Amino acid sequence: MSDGPSQPAPELKALTPEAQRALAEAEARRQAAAANTKPVPKELQGPKGPEPTRYGDWEHKGIASDF
């Protein structure tokens, strides 16, 4: 919200047929990827807490080690 006079929104340039086709193909890929997602299996006997490989260290019995 602005206190000044409202300005008209700038006109959007029309997309080329190639750009429209690319956007349609990207949307089709997103929908296909969403349809093919599988649930991640539960990890058994893995480390508790945050994923250690993401943070670069491991903790075992209270002792952290960096690799």
PDB file of N, CA and C in Angstrom:
ATOM      1  N   MET A   1       0.833  -1.172   0.000  1.00  0.00           N
ATOM      2  CA  MET A   1       0.000   0.000   0.000  1.00  0.00           C
ATOM      3  C   MET A   1       0.880   1.237   0.000  1.00  0.00           C
ATOM      4  N   SER A   2       0.584   2.145  -0.866  1.00  0.00           N
ATOM      5  CA  SER A   2       1.346   3.379  -0.923  1.00  0.00           C
ATOM      6  C   SER A   2       0.416   4.548  -0.649  1.00  0.00           C
ATOM      7  N   ASP A   3       1.003   5.613  -0.174  1.00  0.00           N
ATOM      8  CA  ASP A   3       0.212   6.792   0.146  1.00  0.00           C
ATOM      9  C   ASP A   3       0.059   7.705  -1.059  1.00  0.00           C
ATOM     10  N   GLY A   4       0.893   7.549  -2.057  1.00  0.00           N
ATOM     11  CA  GLY A   4       0.864   8.421  -3.228  1.00  0.00           C
ATOM     12  C   GLY A   4      -0.190   7.974  -4.218  1.00  0.00           C
ATOM     13  N   PRO A   5      -0.276   8.692  -5.326  1.00  0.00           N
ATOM     14  CA  PRO A   5      -1.258   8.304  -6.352  1.00  0.00           C
ATOM     15  C   PRO A   5      -0.891   6.955  -6.949  1.00  0.00           C
ATOM     16  N   SER A   6      -1.911   6.189  -7.267  1.00  0.00           N
ATOM     17  CA  SER A   6      -1.659   4.853  -7.808  1.00  0.00           C
ATOM     18  C   SER A   6      -1.227   4.967  -9.260  1.00  0.00           C
ATOM     19  N   GLN A   7      -0.247   4.137  -9.610  1.00  0.00           N
ATOM     20  CA  GLN A   7       0.252   4.114 -10.972  1.00  0.00           C
ATOM     21  C   GLN A   7      -0.257   2.847 -11.642  1.00  0.00           C
ATOM     22  N   PRO A   8      -0.591   2.938 -12.918  1.00  0.00           N
ATOM     23  CA  PRO A   8      -1.064   1.727 -13.603  1.00  0.00           C
ATOM     24  C   PRO A   8       0.061   0.707 -13.689  1.00  0.00           C
ATOM     25  N   ALA A   9      -0.317  -0.550 -13.654  1.00  0.00           N
ATOM     26  CA  ALA A   9       0.669  -1.631 -13.748  1.00  0.00           C
ATOM     27  C   ALA A   9       1.269  -1.623 -15.153  1.00  0.00           C
ATOM     28  N   PRO A  10       2.575  -1.881 -15.265  1.00  0.00           N
ATOM     29  CA  PRO A  10       3.182  -1.911 -16.600  1.00  0.00           C
ATOM     30  C   PRO A  10       2.621  -3.080 -17.402  1.00  0.00           C
ATOM     31  N   GLU A  11       2.473  -2.840 -18.681  1.00  0.00           N
ATOM     32  CA  GLU A  11       1.928  -3.886 -19.541  1.00  0.00           C
ATOM     33  C   GLU A  11       2.987  -4.967 -19.738  1.00  0.00           C
ATOM     34  N   LEU A  12       2.555  -6.222 -19.663  1.00  0.00           N
ATOM     35  CA  LEU A  12       3.463  -7.342 -19.861  1.00  0.00           C
ATOM     36  C   LEU A  12       3.596  -7.617 -21.350  1.00  0.00           C
ATOM     37  N   LYS A  13       4.817  -7.891 -21.755  1.00  0.00           N
ATOM     38  CA  LYS A  13       5.071  -8.190 -23.155  1.00  0.00           C
ATOM     39  C   LYS A  13       4.551  -9.594 -23.461  1.00  0.00           C
ATOM     40  N   ALA A  14       3.955  -9.760 -24.609  1.00  0.00           N
ATOM     41  CA  ALA A  14       3.422 -11.066 -25.024  1.00  0.00           C
ATOM     42  C   ALA A  14       4.573 -12.045 -25.209  1.00  0.00           C
ATOM     43  N   LEU A  15       4.350 -13.281 -24.791  1.00  0.00           N
ATOM     44  CA  LEU A  15       5.365 -14.323 -24.927  1.00  0.00           C
ATOM     45  C   LEU A  15       5.366 -14.867 -26.348  1.00  0.00           C
ATOM     46  N   THR A  16       6.563 -15.231 -26.805  1.00  0.00           N
ATOM     47  CA  THR A  16       6.676 -15.840 -28.121  1.00  0.00           C
ATOM     48  C   THR A  16       6.140 -17.262 -28.051  1.00  0.00           C
ATOM     49  N   PRO A  17       5.793 -17.838 -29.180  1.00  0.00           N
ATOM     50  CA  PRO A  17       5.330 -19.230 -29.167  1.00  0.00           C
ATOM     51  C   PRO A  17       6.360 -20.190 -28.576  1.00  0.00           C
ATOM     52  N   GLU A  18       7.646 -19.910 -28.812  1.00  0.00           N
ATOM     53  CA  GLU A  18       8.694 -20.763 -28.261  1.00  0.00           C
ATOM     54  C   GLU A  18       8.702 -20.693 -26.735  1.00  0.00           C
ATOM     55  N   ALA A  19       8.543 -19.485 -26.196  1.00  0.00           N
ATOM     56  CA  ALA A  19       8.521 -19.310 -24.743  1.00  0.00           C
ATOM     57  C   ALA A  19       7.290 -19.982 -24.146  1.00  0.00           C
ATOM     58  N   GLN A  20       6.158 -19.867 -24.802  1.00  0.00           N
ATOM     59  CA  GLN A  20       4.937 -20.515 -24.314  1.00  0.00           C
ATOM     60  C   GLN A  20       5.096 -22.029 -24.316  1.00  0.00           C
ATOM     61  N   ARG A  21       5.737 -22.572 -25.380  1.00  0.00           N
ATOM     62  CA  ARG A  21       5.965 -24.013 -25.459  1.00  0.00           C
ATOM     63  C   ARG A  21       6.930 -24.468 -24.359  1.00  0.00           C
ATOM     64  N   ALA A  22       7.966 -23.672 -24.098  1.00  0.00           N
ATOM     65  CA  ALA A  22       8.921 -24.020 -23.047  1.00  0.00           C
ATOM     66  C   ALA A  22       8.240 -24.025 -21.685  1.00  0.00           C
ATOM     67  N   LEU A  23       7.384 -23.052 -21.426  1.00  0.00           N
ATOM     68  CA  LEU A  23       6.669 -23.014 -20.149  1.00  0.00           C
ATOM     69  C   LEU A  23       5.729 -24.211 -20.012  1.00  0.00           C
ATOM     70  N   ALA A  24       5.071 -24.587 -21.103  1.00  0.00           N
ATOM     71  CA  ALA A  24       4.171 -25.742 -21.071  1.00  0.00           C
ATOM     72  C   ALA A  24       4.952 -27.031 -20.827  1.00  0.00           C
ATOM     73  N   GLU A  25       6.130 -27.165 -21.456  1.00  0.00           N
ATOM     74  CA  GLU A  25       6.952 -28.358 -21.253  1.00  0.00           C
ATOM     75  C   GLU A  25       7.474 -28.429 -19.820  1.00  0.00           C
ATOM     76  N   ALA A  26       7.863 -27.290 -19.265  1.00  0.00           N
ATOM     77  CA  ALA A  26       8.346 -27.268 -17.883  1.00  0.00           C
ATOM     78  C   ALA A  26       7.236 -27.652 -16.916  1.00  0.00           C
ATOM     79  N   GLU A  27       6.034 -27.173 -17.149  1.00  0.00           N
ATOM     80  CA  GLU A  27       4.906 -27.537 -16.282  1.00  0.00           C
ATOM     81  C   GLU A  27       4.603 -29.025 -16.395  1.00  0.00           C
ATOM     82  N   ALA A  28       4.695 -29.583 -17.608  1.00  0.00           N
ATOM     83  CA  ALA A  28       4.462 -31.018 -17.793  1.00  0.00           C
ATOM     84  C   ALA A  28       5.520 -31.830 -17.046  1.00  0.00           C
ATOM     85  N   ARG A  29       6.787 -31.380 -17.076  1.00  0.00           N
ATOM     86  CA  ARG A  29       7.848 -32.077 -16.336  1.00  0.00           C
ATOM     87  C   ARG A  29       7.602 -32.002 -14.838  1.00  0.00           C
ATOM     88  N   ARG A  30       7.166 -30.842 -14.335  1.00  0.00           N
ATOM     89  CA  ARG A  30       6.880 -30.710 -12.901  1.00  0.00           C
ATOM     90  C   ARG A  30       5.739 -31.643 -12.485  1.00  0.00           C
ATOM     91  N   GLN A  31       4.704 -31.722 -13.298  1.00  0.00           N
ATOM     92  CA  GLN A  31       3.580 -32.600 -12.978  1.00  0.00           C
ATOM     93  C   GLN A  31       4.005 -34.064 -13.029  1.00  0.00           C
ATOM     94  N   ALA A  32       4.835 -34.434 -14.000  1.00  0.00           N
ATOM     95  CA  ALA A  32       5.307 -35.815 -14.096  1.00  0.00           C
ATOM     96  C   ALA A  32       6.188 -36.160 -12.900  1.00  0.00           C
ATOM     97  N   ALA A  33       7.033 -35.230 -12.486  1.00  0.00           N
ATOM     98  CA  ALA A  33       7.904 -35.476 -11.336  1.00  0.00           C
ATOM     99  C   ALA A  33       7.071 -35.614 -10.060  1.00  0.00           C
ATOM    100  N   ALA A  34       6.026 -34.808  -9.921  1.00  0.00           N
ATOM    101  CA  ALA A  34       5.177 -34.890  -8.741  1.00  0.00           C
ATOM    102  C   ALA A  34       4.393 -36.203  -8.723  1.00  0.00           C
ATOM    103  N   ALA A  35       4.021 -36.693  -9.893  1.00  0.00           N
ATOM    104  CA  ALA A  35       3.258 -37.940  -9.967  1.00  0.00           C
ATOM    105  C   ALA A  35       4.140 -39.155  -9.667  1.00  0.00           C
ATOM    106  N   ASN A  36       5.460 -39.032  -9.895  1.00  0.00           N
ATOM    107  CA  ASN A  36       6.366 -40.170  -9.727  1.00  0.00           C
ATOM    108  C   ASN A  36       7.091 -40.166  -8.391  1.00  0.00           C
ATOM    109  N   THR A  37       6.708 -39.303  -7.482  1.00  0.00           N
ATOM    110  CA  THR A  37       7.411 -39.268  -6.201  1.00  0.00           C
ATOM    111  C   THR A  37       7.037 -40.488  -5.374  1.00  0.00           C
ATOM    112  N   LYS A  38       8.047 -41.041  -4.712  1.00  0.00           N
ATOM    113  CA  LYS A  38       7.840 -42.197  -3.852  1.00  0.00           C
ATOM    114  C   LYS A  38       8.130 -41.775  -2.414  1.00  0.00           C
ATOM    115  N   PRO A  39       7.441 -42.345  -1.460  1.00  0.00           N
ATOM    116  CA  PRO A  39       7.752 -41.998  -0.070  1.00  0.00           C
ATOM    117  C   PRO A  39       9.151 -42.495   0.298  1.00  0.00           C
ATOM    118  N   VAL A  40       9.853 -41.691   1.066  1.00  0.00           N
ATOM    119  CA  VAL A  40      11.205 -42.053   1.490  1.00  0.00           C
ATOM    120  C   VAL A  40      11.105 -43.119   2.572  1.00  0.00           C
ATOM    121  N   PRO A  41      11.828 -44.236   2.422  1.00  0.00           N
ATOM    122  CA  PRO A  41      11.752 -45.282   3.442  1.00  0.00           C
ATOM    123  C   PRO A  41      12.354 -44.796   4.758  1.00  0.00           C
ATOM    124  N   LYS A  42      11.810 -45.279   5.863  1.00  0.00           N
ATOM    125  CA  LYS A  42      12.299 -44.909   7.171  1.00  0.00           C
ATOM    126  C   LYS A  42      13.660 -45.557   7.407  1.00  0.00           C
ATOM    127  N   GLU A  43      14.588 -44.777   7.938  1.00  0.00           N
ATOM    128  CA  GLU A  43      15.926 -45.279   8.197  1.00  0.00           C
ATOM    129  C   GLU A  43      15.934 -46.050   9.506  1.00  0.00           C
ATOM    130  N   LEU A  44      16.543 -47.217   9.492  1.00  0.00           N
ATOM    131  CA  LEU A  44      16.638 -48.033  10.685  1.00  0.00           C
ATOM    132  C   LEU A  44      18.042 -47.943  11.262  1.00  0.00           C
ATOM    133  N   GLN A  45      18.155 -47.757  12.540  1.00  0.00           N
ATOM    134  CA  GLN A  45      19.414 -47.692  13.271  1.00  0.00           C
ATOM    135  C   GLN A  45      20.347 -46.604  12.741  1.00  0.00           C
ATOM    136  N   GLY A  46      19.794 -45.512  12.257  1.00  0.00           N
ATOM    137  CA  GLY A  46      20.602 -44.399  11.788  1.00  0.00           C
ATOM    138  C   GLY A  46      20.881 -43.426  12.912  1.00  0.00           C
ATOM    139  N   PRO A  47      21.673 -42.400  12.643  1.00  0.00           N
ATOM    140  CA  PRO A  47      21.983 -41.418  13.672  1.00  0.00           C
ATOM    141  C   PRO A  47      20.744 -40.620  14.048  1.00  0.00           C
ATOM    142  N   LYS A  48      20.658 -40.228  15.294  1.00  0.00           N
ATOM    143  CA  LYS A  48      19.532 -39.427  15.759  1.00  0.00           C
ATOM    144  C   LYS A  48      19.842 -37.968  15.483  1.00  0.00           C
ATOM    145  N   GLY A  49      18.844 -37.175  15.268  1.00  0.00           N
ATOM    146  CA  GLY A  49      19.034 -35.744  15.060  1.00  0.00           C
ATOM    147  C   GLY A  49      19.246 -35.398  13.600  1.00  0.00           C
ATOM    148  N   PRO A  50      19.835 -34.221  13.359  1.00  0.00           N
ATOM    149  CA  PRO A  50      20.044 -33.768  11.976  1.00  0.00           C
ATOM    150  C   PRO A  50      20.953 -34.704  11.195  1.00  0.00           C
ATOM    151  N   GLU A  51      20.796 -34.696   9.892  1.00  0.00           N
ATOM    152  CA  GLU A  51      21.604 -35.541   9.013  1.00  0.00           C
ATOM    153  C   GLU A  51      23.067 -35.152   9.146  1.00  0.00           C
ATOM    154  N   PRO A  52      23.941 -36.057   9.596  1.00  0.00           N
ATOM    155  CA  PRO A  52      25.336 -35.697   9.849  1.00  0.00           C
ATOM    156  C   PRO A  52      26.117 -35.329   8.596  1.00  0.00           C
ATOM    157  N   THR A  53      25.794 -35.937   7.463  1.00  0.00           N
ATOM    158  CA  THR A  53      26.554 -35.609   6.268  1.00  0.00           C
ATOM    159  C   THR A  53      26.237 -34.201   5.785  1.00  0.00           C
ATOM    160  N   ARG A  54      25.087 -33.683   6.166  1.00  0.00           N
ATOM    161  CA  ARG A  54      24.739 -32.322   5.788  1.00  0.00           C
ATOM    162  C   ARG A  54      25.565 -31.317   6.573  1.00  0.00           C
ATOM    163  N   TYR A  55      25.838 -31.598   7.815  1.00  0.00           N
ATOM    164  CA  TYR A  55      26.567 -30.667   8.661  1.00  0.00           C
ATOM    165  C   TYR A  55      28.046 -31.006   8.756  1.00  0.00           C
ATOM    166  N   GLY A  56      28.480 -32.094   8.138  1.00  0.00           N
ATOM    167  CA  GLY A  56      29.894 -32.396   8.029  1.00  0.00           C
ATOM    168  C   GLY A  56      30.516 -33.050   9.244  1.00  0.00           C
ATOM    169  N   ASP A  57      29.744 -33.505  10.201  1.00  0.00           N
ATOM    170  CA  ASP A  57      30.353 -34.203  11.326  1.00  0.00           C
ATOM    171  C   ASP A  57      29.432 -35.321  11.806  1.00  0.00           C
ATOM    172  N   TRP A  58      29.999 -36.232  12.535  1.00  0.00           N
ATOM    173  CA  TRP A  58      29.273 -37.362  13.082  1.00  0.00           C
ATOM    174  C   TRP A  58      29.387 -37.320  14.592  1.00  0.00           C
ATOM    175  N   GLU A  59      28.365 -37.802  15.248  1.00  0.00           N
ATOM    176  CA  GLU A  59      28.418 -37.878  16.703  1.00  0.00           C
ATOM    177  C   GLU A  59      28.083 -39.300  17.103  1.00  0.00           C
ATOM    178  N   HIS A  60      28.906 -39.870  17.970  1.00  0.00           N
ATOM    179  CA  HIS A  60      28.672 -41.220  18.458  1.00  0.00           C
ATOM    180  C   HIS A  60      28.996 -41.237  19.938  1.00  0.00           C
ATOM    181  N   LYS A  61      28.013 -41.531  20.751  1.00  0.00           N
ATOM    182  CA  LYS A  61      28.162 -41.549  22.207  1.00  0.00           C
ATOM    183  C   LYS A  61      28.698 -40.223  22.741  1.00  0.00           C
ATOM    184  N   GLY A  62      28.176 -39.125  22.193  1.00  0.00           N
ATOM    185  CA  GLY A  62      28.548 -37.810  22.691  1.00  0.00           C
ATOM    186  C   GLY A  62      29.843 -37.268  22.143  1.00  0.00           C
ATOM    187  N   ILE A  63      30.552 -38.008  21.317  1.00  0.00           N
ATOM    188  CA  ILE A  63      31.827 -37.539  20.755  1.00  0.00           C
ATOM    189  C   ILE A  63      31.590 -37.228  19.275  1.00  0.00           C
ATOM    190  N   ALA A  64      31.852 -35.974  18.897  1.00  0.00           N
ATOM    191  CA  ALA A  64      31.682 -35.560  17.519  1.00  0.00           C
ATOM    192  C   ALA A  64      33.020 -35.637  16.797  1.00  0.00           C
ATOM    193  N   SER A  65      33.009 -36.075  15.553  1.00  0.00           N
ATOM    194  CA  SER A  65      34.224 -36.141  14.769  1.00  0.00           C
ATOM    195  C   SER A  65      33.954 -35.561  13.384  1.00  0.00           C
ATOM    196  N   ASP A  66      34.869 -34.733  12.931  1.00  0.00           N
ATOM    197  CA  ASP A  66      34.774 -34.161  11.593  1.00  0.00           C
ATOM    198  C   ASP A  66      35.563 -35.011  10.617  1.00  0.00           C
ATOM    199  N   PHE A  67      35.084 -35.064   9.402  1.00  0.00           N
ATOM    200  CA  PHE A  67      35.802 -35.784   8.367  1.00  0.00           C
ATOM    201  C   PHE A  67      36.356 -34.802   7.381  1.00  0.00           C
TER     202      PHE A  67
END
